[in-house]
PDB file of N, CA and C in Angstrom:
ATOM      1  N   MET A   1      92.222 124.842 119.020  1.00  0.00           N
ATOM      2  CA  MET A   1      92.363 123.678 118.144  1.00  0.00           C
ATOM      3  C   MET A   1      91.351 123.808 117.020  1.00  0.00           C
ATOM      4  N   GLY A   2      91.521 123.054 115.970  1.00  0.00           N
ATOM      5  CA  GLY A   2      90.676 123.146 114.791  1.00  0.00           C
ATOM      6  C   GLY A   2      89.242 122.735 115.026  1.00  0.00           C
ATOM      7  N   LYS A   3      88.409 123.147 114.093  1.00  0.00           N
ATOM      8  CA  LYS A   3      86.993 122.792 114.136  1.00  0.00           C
ATOM      9  C   LYS A   3      86.820 121.388 113.560  1.00  0.00           C
ATOM     10  N   PRO A   4      85.664 120.725 113.879  1.00  0.00           N
ATOM     11  CA  PRO A   4      85.427 119.397 113.296  1.00  0.00           C
ATOM     12  C   PRO A   4      85.490 119.410 111.774  1.00  0.00           C
ATOM     13  N   THR A   5      85.158 120.541 111.146  1.00  0.00           N
ATOM     14  CA  THR A   5      85.204 120.603 109.689  1.00  0.00           C
ATOM     15  C   THR A   5      86.636 120.566 109.176  1.00  0.00           C
ATOM     16  N   ASP A   6      87.606 120.752 110.083  1.00  0.00           N
ATOM     17  CA  ASP A   6      89.015 120.690 109.702  1.00  0.00           C
ATOM     18  C   ASP A   6      89.516 119.255 109.609  1.00  0.00           C
ATOM     19  N   LEU A   7      88.700 118.299 110.008  1.00  0.00           N
ATOM     20  CA  LEU A   7      89.101 116.895 109.967  1.00  0.00           C
ATOM     21  C   LEU A   7      89.314 116.444 108.531  1.00  0.00           C
ATOM     22  N   VAL A   8      90.226 115.504 108.353  1.00  0.00           N
ATOM     23  CA  VAL A   8      90.447 114.912 107.043  1.00  0.00           C
ATOM     24  C   VAL A   8      89.122 114.323 106.554  1.00  0.00           C
ATOM     25  N   GLN A   9      88.816 114.507 105.275  1.00  0.00           N
ATOM     26  CA  GLN A   9      87.569 114.001 104.700  1.00  0.00           C
ATOM     27  C   GLN A   9      87.359 112.532 105.064  1.00  0.00           C
ATOM     28  N   GLY A  10      86.210 112.207 105.604  1.00  0.00           N
ATOM     29  CA  GLY A  10      85.891 110.831 105.952  1.00  0.00           C
ATOM     30  C   GLY A  10      86.261 110.447 107.377  1.00  0.00           C
ATOM     31  N   THR A  11      87.021 111.296 108.066  1.00  0.00           N
ATOM     32  CA  THR A  11      87.451 110.979 109.420  1.00  0.00           C
ATOM     33  C   THR A  11      86.272 110.887 110.376  1.00  0.00           C
ATOM     34  N   LEU A  12      85.317 111.788 110.267  1.00  0.00           N
ATOM     35  CA  LEU A  12      84.155 111.759 111.158  1.00  0.00           C
ATOM     36  C   LEU A  12      83.430 110.420 111.034  1.00  0.00           C
ATOM     37  N   ASP A  13      83.284 109.922 109.816  1.00  0.00           N
ATOM     38  CA  ASP A  13      82.620 108.633 109.611  1.00  0.00           C
ATOM     39  C   ASP A  13      83.334 107.527 110.376  1.00  0.00           C
ATOM     40  N   VAL A  14      84.655 107.496 110.288  1.00  0.00           N
ATOM     41  CA  VAL A  14      85.437 106.464 110.966  1.00  0.00           C
ATOM     42  C   VAL A  14      85.320 106.619 112.480  1.00  0.00           C
ATOM     43  N   LEU A  15      85.337 107.856 112.959  1.00  0.00           N
ATOM     44  CA  LEU A  15      85.198 108.089 114.404  1.00  0.00           C
ATOM     45  C   LEU A  15      83.846 107.594 114.909  1.00  0.00           C
ATOM     46  N   ILE A  16      82.803 107.828 114.132  1.00  0.00           N
ATOM     47  CA  ILE A  16      81.471 107.355 114.507  1.00  0.00           C
ATOM     48  C   ILE A  16      81.440 105.835 114.530  1.00  0.00           C
ATOM     49  N   LEU A  17      81.948 105.211 113.471  1.00  0.00           N
ATOM     50  CA  LEU A  17      81.953 103.745 113.401  1.00  0.00           C
ATOM     51  C   LEU A  17      82.713 103.147 114.578  1.00  0.00           C
ATOM     52  N   LYS A  18      83.863 103.707 114.889  1.00  0.00           N
ATOM     53  CA  LYS A  18      84.660 103.199 116.006  1.00  0.00           C
ATOM     54  C   LYS A  18      83.919 103.390 117.338  1.00  0.00           C
ATOM     55  N   THR A  19      83.249 104.511 117.481  1.00  0.00           N
ATOM     56  CA  THR A  19      82.552 104.822 118.724  1.00  0.00           C
ATOM     57  C   THR A  19      81.411 103.850 119.003  1.00  0.00           C
ATOM     58  N   ILE A  20      80.705 103.435 117.962  1.00  0.00           N
ATOM     59  CA  ILE A  20      79.568 102.526 118.183  1.00  0.00           C
ATOM     60  C   ILE A  20      79.950 101.057 118.007  1.00  0.00           C
ATOM     61  N   ALA A  21      81.231 100.779 117.788  1.00  0.00           N
ATOM     62  CA  ALA A  21      81.664  99.397 117.575  1.00  0.00           C
ATOM     63  C   ALA A  21      81.408  98.524 118.808  1.00  0.00           C
ATOM     64  N   LEU A  22      81.516  99.071 119.985  1.00  0.00           N
ATOM     65  CA  LEU A  22      81.344  98.286 121.202  1.00  0.00           C
ATOM     66  C   LEU A  22      79.897  98.165 121.659  1.00  0.00           C
ATOM     67  N   GLN A  23      79.125  99.229 121.454  1.00  0.00           N
ATOM     68  CA  GLN A  23      77.729  99.197 121.896  1.00  0.00           C
ATOM     69  C   GLN A  23      76.917 100.233 121.132  1.00  0.00           C
ATOM     70  N   PRO A  24      75.624  99.973 120.938  1.00  0.00           N
ATOM     71  CA  PRO A  24      74.758 100.949 120.281  1.00  0.00           C
ATOM     72  C   PRO A  24      74.690 102.237 121.109  1.00  0.00           C
ATOM     73  N   MET A  25      74.646 103.356 120.416  1.00  0.00           N
ATOM     74  CA  MET A  25      74.563 104.653 121.093  1.00  0.00           C
ATOM     75  C   MET A  25      73.653 105.578 120.309  1.00  0.00           C
ATOM     76  N   HIS A  26      73.070 106.551 121.005  1.00  0.00           N
ATOM     77  CA  HIS A  26      72.297 107.582 120.322  1.00  0.00           C
ATOM     78  C   HIS A  26      73.232 108.720 119.927  1.00  0.00           C
ATOM     79  N   GLY A  27      72.746 109.595 119.071  1.00  0.00           N
ATOM     80  CA  GLY A  27      73.587 110.650 118.499  1.00  0.00           C
ATOM     81  C   GLY A  27      74.317 111.496 119.522  1.00  0.00           C
ATOM     82  N   TRP A  28      73.597 111.982 120.516  1.00  0.00           N
ATOM     83  CA  TRP A  28      74.230 112.835 121.522  1.00  0.00           C
ATOM     84  C   TRP A  28      75.323 112.061 122.255  1.00  0.00           C
ATOM     85  N   GLY A  29      75.062 110.790 122.557  1.00  0.00           N
ATOM     86  CA  GLY A  29      76.042 109.948 123.226  1.00  0.00           C
ATOM     87  C   GLY A  29      77.292 109.744 122.383  1.00  0.00           C
ATOM     88  N   ILE A  30      77.107 109.598 121.070  1.00  0.00           N
ATOM     89  CA  ILE A  30      78.243 109.437 120.157  1.00  0.00           C
ATOM     90  C   ILE A  30      79.119 110.694 120.204  1.00  0.00           C
ATOM     91  N   ALA A  31      78.490 111.857 120.105  1.00  0.00           N
ATOM     92  CA  ALA A  31      79.237 113.119 120.136  1.00  0.00           C
ATOM     93  C   ALA A  31      79.984 113.277 121.456  1.00  0.00           C
ATOM     94  N   GLN A  32      79.333 112.941 122.565  1.00  0.00           N
ATOM     95  CA  GLN A  32      79.960 113.059 123.878  1.00  0.00           C
ATOM     96  C   GLN A  32      81.145 112.097 124.012  1.00  0.00           C
ATOM     97  N   ARG A  33      80.974 110.887 123.514  1.00  0.00           N
ATOM     98  CA  ARG A  33      82.037 109.886 123.619  1.00  0.00           C
ATOM     99  C   ARG A  33      83.261 110.302 122.800  1.00  0.00           C
ATOM    100  N   ILE A  34      83.043 110.814 121.599  1.00  0.00           N
ATOM    101  CA  ILE A  34      84.159 111.300 120.772  1.00  0.00           C
ATOM    102  C   ILE A  34      84.878 112.437 121.495  1.00  0.00           C
ATOM    103  N   ARG A  35      84.114 113.347 122.087  1.00  0.00           N
ATOM    104  CA  ARG A  35      84.704 114.459 122.831  1.00  0.00           C
ATOM    105  C   ARG A  35      85.538 113.941 123.999  1.00  0.00           C
ATOM    106  N   GLN A  36      84.982 112.991 124.759  1.00  0.00           N
ATOM    107  CA  GLN A  36      85.692 112.436 125.917  1.00  0.00           C
ATOM    108  C   GLN A  36      86.970 111.710 125.504  1.00  0.00           C
ATOM    109  N   LEU A  37      86.864 110.835 124.498  1.00  0.00           N
ATOM    110  CA  LEU A  37      88.016 110.051 124.078  1.00  0.00           C
ATOM    111  C   LEU A  37      89.136 110.911 123.494  1.00  0.00           C
ATOM    112  N   SER A  38      88.773 112.067 122.943  1.00  0.00           N
ATOM    113  CA  SER A  38      89.780 112.957 122.342  1.00  0.00           C
ATOM    114  C   SER A  38      90.260 114.020 123.327  1.00  0.00           C
ATOM    115  N   ASN A  39      89.923 113.850 124.614  1.00  0.00           N
ATOM    116  CA  ASN A  39      90.299 114.841 125.636  1.00  0.00           C
ATOM    117  C   ASN A  39      89.819 116.243 125.273  1.00  0.00           C
ATOM    118  N   ASP A  40      88.581 116.319 124.809  1.00  0.00           N
ATOM    119  CA  ASP A  40      87.914 117.585 124.472  1.00  0.00           C
ATOM    120  C   ASP A  40      88.486 118.298 123.249  1.00  0.00           C
ATOM    121  N   VAL A  41      89.317 117.626 122.465  1.00  0.00           N
ATOM    122  CA  VAL A  41      89.870 118.253 121.261  1.00  0.00           C
ATOM    123  C   VAL A  41      88.843 118.214 120.132  1.00  0.00           C
ATOM    124  N   LEU A  42      88.184 117.067 119.963  1.00  0.00           N
ATOM    125  CA  LEU A  42      87.197 116.918 118.890  1.00  0.00           C
ATOM    126  C   LEU A  42      85.791 117.115 119.458  1.00  0.00           C
ATOM    127  N   GLN A  43      85.123 118.139 118.968  1.00  0.00           N
ATOM    128  CA  GLN A  43      83.762 118.399 119.387  1.00  0.00           C
ATOM    129  C   GLN A  43      82.881 118.395 118.147  1.00  0.00           C
ATOM    130  N   VAL A  44      82.071 117.355 118.032  1.00  0.00           N
ATOM    131  CA  VAL A  44      81.243 117.152 116.845  1.00  0.00           C
ATOM    132  C   VAL A  44      79.895 117.814 117.070  1.00  0.00           C
ATOM    133  N   ASN A  45      79.560 118.770 116.217  1.00  0.00           N
ATOM    134  CA  ASN A  45      78.266 119.428 116.372  1.00  0.00           C
ATOM    135  C   ASN A  45      77.179 118.658 115.626  1.00  0.00           C
ATOM    136  N   GLN A  46      75.934 118.942 115.980  1.00  0.00           N
ATOM    137  CA  GLN A  46      74.799 118.229 115.385  1.00  0.00           C
ATOM    138  C   GLN A  46      74.724 118.428 113.881  1.00  0.00           C
ATOM    139  N   GLY A  47      75.147 119.595 113.407  1.00  0.00           N
ATOM    140  CA  GLY A  47      75.107 119.885 111.981  1.00  0.00           C
ATOM    141  C   GLY A  47      76.029 118.994 111.163  1.00  0.00           C
ATOM    142  N   ALA A  48      77.040 118.427 111.798  1.00  0.00           N
ATOM    143  CA  ALA A  48      77.939 117.487 111.123  1.00  0.00           C
ATOM    144  C   ALA A  48      77.582 116.045 111.458  1.00  0.00           C
ATOM    145  N   LEU A  49      77.176 115.807 112.709  1.00  0.00           N
ATOM    146  CA  LEU A  49      76.925 114.450 113.185  1.00  0.00           C
ATOM    147  C   LEU A  49      75.742 113.783 112.496  1.00  0.00           C
ATOM    148  N   TYR A  50      74.588 114.440 112.494  1.00  0.00           N
ATOM    149  CA  TYR A  50      73.389 113.765 111.991  1.00  0.00           C
ATOM    150  C   TYR A  50      73.414 113.502 110.488  1.00  0.00           C
ATOM    151  N   PRO A  51      73.937 114.417 109.676  1.00  0.00           N
ATOM    152  CA  PRO A  51      74.097 114.053 108.254  1.00  0.00           C
ATOM    153  C   PRO A  51      75.037 112.861 108.071  1.00  0.00           C
ATOM    154  N   ALA A  52      76.097 112.788 108.882  1.00  0.00           N
ATOM    155  CA  ALA A  52      77.028 111.658 108.798  1.00  0.00           C
ATOM    156  C   ALA A  52      76.320 110.366 109.202  1.00  0.00           C
ATOM    157  N   LEU A  53      75.519 110.391 110.259  1.00  0.00           N
ATOM    158  CA  LEU A  53      74.775 109.205 110.686  1.00  0.00           C
ATOM    159  C   LEU A  53      73.818 108.732 109.596  1.00  0.00           C
ATOM    160  N   HIS A  54      73.119 109.667 108.977  1.00  0.00           N
ATOM    161  CA  HIS A  54      72.189 109.303 107.891  1.00  0.00           C
ATOM    162  C   HIS A  54      72.945 108.713 106.701  1.00  0.00           C
ATOM    163  N   ARG A  55      74.080 109.302 106.377  1.00  0.00           N
ATOM    164  CA  ARG A  55      74.893 108.805 105.260  1.00  0.00           C
ATOM    165  C   ARG A  55      75.392 107.386 105.558  1.00  0.00           C
ATOM    166  N   LEU A  56      75.882 107.160 106.760  1.00  0.00           N
ATOM    167  CA  LEU A  56      76.372 105.835 107.150  1.00  0.00           C
ATOM    168  C   LEU A  56      75.259 104.800 107.143  1.00  0.00           C
ATOM    169  N   GLU A  57      74.078 105.228 107.543  1.00  0.00           N
ATOM    170  CA  GLU A  57      72.931 104.314 107.529  1.00  0.00           C
ATOM    171  C   GLU A  57      72.538 103.974 106.098  1.00  0.00           C
ATOM    172  N   GLN A  58      72.532 104.952 105.209  1.00  0.00           N
ATOM    173  CA  GLN A  58      72.198 104.716 103.805  1.00  0.00           C
ATOM    174  C   GLN A  58      73.222 103.797 103.137  1.00  0.00           C
ATOM    175  N   GLN A  59      74.478 103.877 103.569  1.00  0.00           N
ATOM    176  CA  GLN A  59      75.522 103.040 102.993  1.00  0.00           C
ATOM    177  C   GLN A  59      75.504 101.621 103.572  1.00  0.00           C
ATOM    178  N   GLY A  60      74.669 101.416 104.579  1.00  0.00           N
ATOM    179  CA  GLY A  60      74.554 100.095 105.181  1.00  0.00           C
ATOM    180  C   GLY A  60      75.628  99.778 106.206  1.00  0.00           C
ATOM    181  N   TRP A  61      76.379 100.792 106.640  1.00  0.00           N
ATOM    182  CA  TRP A  61      77.459 100.567 107.588  1.00  0.00           C
ATOM    183  C   TRP A  61      76.985 100.641 109.037  1.00  0.00           C
ATOM    184  N   ILE A  62      75.839 101.280 109.254  1.00  0.00           N
ATOM    185  CA  ILE A  62      75.244 101.296 110.586  1.00  0.00           C
ATOM    186  C   ILE A  62      73.763 100.976 110.461  1.00  0.00           C
ATOM    187  N   GLU A  63      73.195 100.534 111.577  1.00  0.00           N
ATOM    188  CA  GLU A  63      71.763 100.258 111.647  1.00  0.00           C
ATOM    189  C   GLU A  63      71.201 101.101 112.773  1.00  0.00           C
ATOM    190  N   ALA A  64      69.936 101.471 112.656  1.00  0.00           N
ATOM    191  CA  ALA A  64      69.314 102.324 113.663  1.00  0.00           C
ATOM    192  C   ALA A  64      68.041 101.681 114.198  1.00  0.00           C
ATOM    193  N   GLU A  65      67.826 101.902 115.470  1.00  0.00           N
ATOM    194  CA  GLU A  65      66.628 101.378 116.126  1.00  0.00           C
ATOM    195  C   GLU A  65      66.196 102.376 117.199  1.00  0.00           C
ATOM    196  N   TRP A  66      64.886 102.617 117.265  1.00  0.00           N
ATOM    197  CA  TRP A  66      64.368 103.541 118.271  1.00  0.00           C
ATOM    198  C   TRP A  66      64.370 102.872 119.640  1.00  0.00           C
ATOM    199  N   GLY A  67      64.715 103.639 120.653  1.00  0.00           N
ATOM    200  CA  GLY A  67      64.717 103.149 122.022  1.00  0.00           C
ATOM    201  C   GLY A  67      64.522 104.306 122.981  1.00  0.00           C
ATOM    202  N   GLU A  68      64.735 104.027 124.244  1.00  0.00           N
ATOM    203  CA  GLU A  68      64.571 105.050 125.278  1.00  0.00           C
ATOM    204  C   GLU A  68      65.932 105.397 125.858  1.00  0.00           C
ATOM    205  N   SER A  69      66.227 106.679 125.957  1.00  0.00           N
ATOM    206  CA  SER A  69      67.504 107.131 126.504  1.00  0.00           C
ATOM    207  C   SER A  69      67.486 107.070 128.027  1.00  0.00           C
ATOM    208  N   ASP A  70      68.625 107.364 128.629  1.00  0.00           N
ATOM    209  CA  ASP A  70      68.746 107.351 130.087  1.00  0.00           C
ATOM    210  C   ASP A  70      67.783 108.325 130.760  1.00  0.00           C
ATOM    211  N   ASN A  71      67.467 109.415 130.065  1.00  0.00           N
ATOM    212  CA  ASN A  71      66.543 110.394 130.642  1.00  0.00           C
ATOM    213  C   ASN A  71      65.101 110.156 130.179  1.00  0.00           C
ATOM    214  N   HIS A  72      64.825 108.930 129.767  1.00  0.00           N
ATOM    215  CA  HIS A  72      63.469 108.471 129.410  1.00  0.00           C
ATOM    216  C   HIS A  72      62.859 109.201 128.214  1.00  0.00           C
ATOM    217  N   ARG A  73      63.711 109.591 127.292  1.00  0.00           N
ATOM    218  CA  ARG A  73      63.239 110.212 126.054  1.00  0.00           C
ATOM    219  C   ARG A  73      63.460 109.237 124.909  1.00  0.00           C
ATOM    220  N   ARG A  74      62.630 109.374 123.900  1.00  0.00           N
ATOM    221  CA  ARG A  74      62.760 108.548 122.710  1.00  0.00           C
ATOM    222  C   ARG A  74      64.025 108.958 121.957  1.00  0.00           C
ATOM    223  N   ALA A  75      64.850 107.968 121.607  1.00  0.00           N
ATOM    224  CA  ALA A  75      66.109 108.263 120.924  1.00  0.00           C
ATOM    225  C   ALA A  75      66.407 107.157 119.923  1.00  0.00           C
ATOM    226  N   LYS A  76      67.079 107.535 118.853  1.00  0.00           N
ATOM    227  CA  LYS A  76      67.490 106.575 117.838  1.00  0.00           C
ATOM    228  C   LYS A  76      68.881 106.075 118.200  1.00  0.00           C
ATOM    229  N   TYR A  77      69.000 104.760 118.361  1.00  0.00           N
ATOM    230  CA  TYR A  77      70.273 104.142 118.713  1.00  0.00           C
ATOM    231  C   TYR A  77      70.906 103.547 117.462  1.00  0.00           C
ATOM    232  N   TYR A  78      72.182 103.826 117.294  1.00  0.00           N
ATOM    233  CA  TYR A  78      72.923 103.373 116.122  1.00  0.00           C
ATOM    234  C   TYR A  78      73.889 102.268 116.522  1.00  0.00           C
ATOM    235  N   SER A  79      73.961 101.240 115.686  1.00  0.00           N
ATOM    236  CA  SER A  79      74.895 100.140 115.921  1.00  0.00           C
ATOM    237  C   SER A  79      75.616  99.813 114.623  1.00  0.00           C
ATOM    238  N   LEU A  80      76.752  99.187 114.753  1.00  0.00           N
ATOM    239  CA  LEU A  80      77.591  98.834 113.618  1.00  0.00           C
ATOM    240  C   LEU A  80      77.051  97.576 112.937  1.00  0.00           C
ATOM    241  N   SER A  81      76.913  97.626 111.621  1.00  0.00           N
ATOM    242  CA  SER A  81      76.498  96.442 110.862  1.00  0.00           C
ATOM    243  C   SER A  81      77.749  95.609 110.533  1.00  0.00           C
ATOM    244  N   LYS A  82      77.552  94.404 110.003  1.00  0.00           N
ATOM    245  CA  LYS A  82      78.699  93.577 109.601  1.00  0.00           C
ATOM    246  C   LYS A  82      79.515  94.282 108.519  1.00  0.00           C
ATOM    247  N   ASP A  83      78.822  94.895 107.552  1.00  0.00           N
ATOM    248  CA  ASP A  83      79.531  95.646 106.511  1.00  0.00           C
ATOM    249  C   ASP A  83      80.270  96.837 107.115  1.00  0.00           C
ATOM    250  N   GLY A  84      79.663  97.454 108.130  1.00  0.00           N
ATOM    251  CA  GLY A  84      80.294  98.579 108.809  1.00  0.00           C
ATOM    252  C   GLY A  84      81.550  98.167 109.538  1.00  0.00           C
ATOM    253  N   ALA A  85      81.525  96.985 110.159  1.00  0.00           N
ATOM    254  CA  ALA A  85      82.710  96.484 110.860  1.00  0.00           C
ATOM    255  C   ALA A  85      83.846  96.233 109.871  1.00  0.00           C
ATOM    256  N   ARG A  86      83.518  95.669 108.718  1.00  0.00           N
ATOM    257  CA  ARG A  86      84.526  95.428 107.683  1.00  0.00           C
ATOM    258  C   ARG A  86      85.090  96.760 107.182  1.00  0.00           C
ATOM    259  N   HIS A  87      84.188  97.710 106.912  1.00  0.00           N
ATOM    260  CA  HIS A  87      84.613  99.026 106.433  1.00  0.00           C
ATOM    261  C   HIS A  87      85.507  99.718 107.470  1.00  0.00           C
ATOM    262  N   LEU A  88      85.148  99.591 108.745  1.00  0.00           N
ATOM    263  CA  LEU A  88      85.953 100.197 109.806  1.00  0.00           C
ATOM    264  C   LEU A  88      87.357  99.606 109.818  1.00  0.00           C
ATOM    265  N   ARG A  89      87.474  98.301 109.704  1.00  0.00           N
ATOM    266  CA  ARG A  89      88.803  97.668 109.668  1.00  0.00           C
ATOM    267  C   ARG A  89      89.622  98.195 108.488  1.00  0.00           C
ATOM    268  N   GLU A  90      88.988  98.297 107.323  1.00  0.00           N
ATOM    269  CA  GLU A  90      89.689  98.787 106.128  1.00  0.00           C
ATOM    270  C   GLU A  90      90.133 100.236 106.308  1.00  0.00           C
ATOM    271  N   GLN A  91      89.242 101.072 106.832  1.00  0.00           N
ATOM    272  CA  GLN A  91      89.555 102.488 107.012  1.00  0.00           C
ATOM    273  C   GLN A  91      90.618 102.693 108.078  1.00  0.00           C
ATOM    274  N   LYS A  92      90.575 101.876 109.120  1.00  0.00           N
ATOM    275  CA  LYS A  92      91.585 101.973 110.180  1.00  0.00           C
ATOM    276  C   LYS A  92      92.961 101.635 109.600  1.00  0.00           C
ATOM    277  N   ALA A  93      93.047 100.606 108.776  1.00  0.00           N
ATOM    278  CA  ALA A  93      94.317 100.237 108.144  1.00  0.00           C
ATOM    279  C   ALA A  93      94.816 101.367 107.240  1.00  0.00           C
ATOM    280  N   LYS A  94      93.918 101.978 106.464  1.00  0.00           N
ATOM    281  CA  LYS A  94      94.297 103.101 105.598  1.00  0.00           C
ATOM    282  C   LYS A  94      94.795 104.279 106.433  1.00  0.00           C
ATOM    283  N   TRP A  95      94.065 104.555 107.541  1.00  0.00           N
ATOM    284  CA  TRP A  95      94.443 105.676 108.408  1.00  0.00           C
ATOM    285  C   TRP A  95      95.843 105.441 108.997  1.00  0.00           C
ATOM    286  N   GLU A  96      96.120 104.217 109.413  1.00  0.00           N
ATOM    287  CA  GLU A  96      97.431 103.905 109.986  1.00  0.00           C
ATOM    288  C   GLU A  96      98.538 104.109 108.957  1.00  0.00           C
ATOM    289  N   ARG A  97      98.304 103.676 107.707  1.00  0.00           N
ATOM    290  CA  ARG A  97      99.300 103.884 106.649  1.00  0.00           C
ATOM    291  C   ARG A  97      99.516 105.380 106.394  1.00  0.00           C
ATOM    292  N   LEU A  98      98.423 106.133 106.324  1.00  0.00           N
ATOM    293  CA  LEU A  98      98.500 107.571 106.083  1.00  0.00           C
ATOM    294  C   LEU A  98      99.227 108.272 107.226  1.00  0.00           C
ATOM    295  N   SER A  99      98.907 107.894 108.444  1.00  0.00           N
ATOM    296  CA  SER A  99      99.530 108.498 109.620  1.00  0.00           C
ATOM    297  C   SER A  99     101.039 108.253 109.640  1.00  0.00           C
ATOM    298  N   VAL A 100     101.451 107.039 109.337  1.00  0.00           N
ATOM    299  CA  VAL A 100     102.881 106.709 109.287  1.00  0.00           C
ATOM    300  C   VAL A 100     103.565 107.538 108.199  1.00  0.00           C
ATOM    301  N   ALA A 101     102.931 107.638 107.036  1.00  0.00           N
ATOM    302  CA  ALA A 101     103.519 108.400 105.931  1.00  0.00           C
ATOM    303  C   ALA A 101     103.663 109.882 106.291  1.00  0.00           C
ATOM    304  N   ILE A 102     102.650 110.440 106.928  1.00  0.00           N
ATOM    305  CA  ILE A 102     102.721 111.849 107.341  1.00  0.00           C
ATOM    306  C   ILE A 102     103.822 112.038 108.374  1.00  0.00           C
ATOM    307  N   ASP A 103     103.907 111.124 109.340  1.00  0.00           N
ATOM    308  CA  ASP A 103     104.983 111.191 110.334  1.00  0.00           C
ATOM    309  C   ASP A 103     106.357 111.151 109.669  1.00  0.00           C
ATOM    310  N   LEU A 104     106.527 110.284 108.666  1.00  0.00           N
ATOM    311  CA  LEU A 104     107.804 110.196 107.963  1.00  0.00           C
ATOM    312  C   LEU A 104     108.166 111.524 107.303  1.00  0.00           C
ATOM    313  N   VAL A 105     107.187 112.152 106.674  1.00  0.00           N
ATOM    314  CA  VAL A 105     107.438 113.433 106.013  1.00  0.00           C
ATOM    315  C   VAL A 105     107.756 114.509 107.038  1.00  0.00           C
ATOM    316  N   LEU A 106     106.968 114.574 108.104  1.00  0.00           N
ATOM    317  CA  LEU A 106     107.197 115.607 109.111  1.00  0.00           C
ATOM    318  C   LEU A 106     108.527 115.428 109.829  1.00  0.00           C
ATOM    319  N   GLU A 107     108.873 114.215 110.160  1.00  0.00           N
ATOM    320  CA  GLU A 107     110.140 113.953 110.834  1.00  0.00           C
ATOM    321  C   GLU A 107     111.313 114.134 109.884  1.00  0.00           C
ATOM    322  N   GLY A 108     111.152 113.699 108.634  1.00  0.00           N
ATOM    323  CA  GLY A 108     112.229 113.801 107.649  1.00  0.00           C
ATOM    324  C   GLY A 108     112.493 115.225 107.201  1.00  0.00           C
ATOM    325  N   SER A 109     111.462 116.050 107.192  1.00  0.00           N
ATOM    326  CA  SER A 109     111.641 117.417 106.682  1.00  0.00           C
ATOM    327  C   SER A 109     112.521 118.247 107.601  1.00  0.00           C
ATOM    328  N   SER A 110     112.621 117.898 108.884  1.00  0.00           N
ATOM    329  CA  SER A 110     113.467 118.665 109.785  1.00  0.00           C
ATOM    330  C   SER A 110     114.939 118.343 109.598  1.00  0.00           C
ATOM    331  N   ASP A 111     115.227 117.221 108.926  1.00  0.00           N
ATOM    332  CA  ASP A 111     116.607 116.795 108.707  1.00  0.00           C
ATOM    333  C   ASP A 111     117.253 117.447 107.485  1.00  0.00           C
ATOM    334  N   HIS A 112     116.462 118.032 106.630  1.00  0.00           N
ATOM    335  CA  HIS A 112     116.991 118.570 105.379  1.00  0.00           C
ATOM    336  C   HIS A 112     116.645 120.060 105.288  1.00  0.00           C
ATOM    337  N   ALA A 113     117.592 120.833 104.860  1.00  0.00           N
ATOM    338  CA  ALA A 113     117.353 122.259 104.660  1.00  0.00           C
ATOM    339  C   ALA A 113     116.468 122.468 103.443  1.00  0.00           C
ATOM    340  N   LEU A 114     115.532 123.382 103.545  1.00  0.00           N
ATOM    341  CA  LEU A 114     114.679 123.697 102.410  1.00  0.00           C
ATOM    342  C   LEU A 114     115.432 124.581 101.434  1.00  0.00           C
ATOM    343  N   VAL A 115     115.274 124.304 100.161  1.00  0.00           N
ATOM    344  CA  VAL A 115     115.991 125.057  99.129  1.00  0.00           C
ATOM    345  C   VAL A 115     115.154 126.224  98.698  1.00  0.00           C
TER     346      VAL A 115
END
C-alpha cells in the first residue's frame, strides 16, 4: 500500500484532528491510533507527524500541554481547540464531497468505452 506521503494534501492534518477529537493524546499515541483505525494501512512516521502537529498548533487548531505518559515519561499531549473542531467539521464535509465525486467518476468510467 502507499506511503503516508501518498496521502492527499492535508489529509494527515484531518486524520490527526479526528484522532484527538475524543481525548488528548501524545504524538506516538496519535500515530498508533491512526494505524489501528486504518487496519495498518496508514502508518504515520515521526518525520511527517511532528511537523504536522507543530503546524496545527501554530494555526490554533490544536493545543498542547506537557504531561506524563503511561510509561512515566514526559510527553506533550495534544487536544483539539474550538477552532480545530470547527475546521475538522469543515474538512470532513469537503472530504465527503470529494469522496462522492471520485466514486462517481470511478464508477461512471467503467460504463463508457474510452475513445
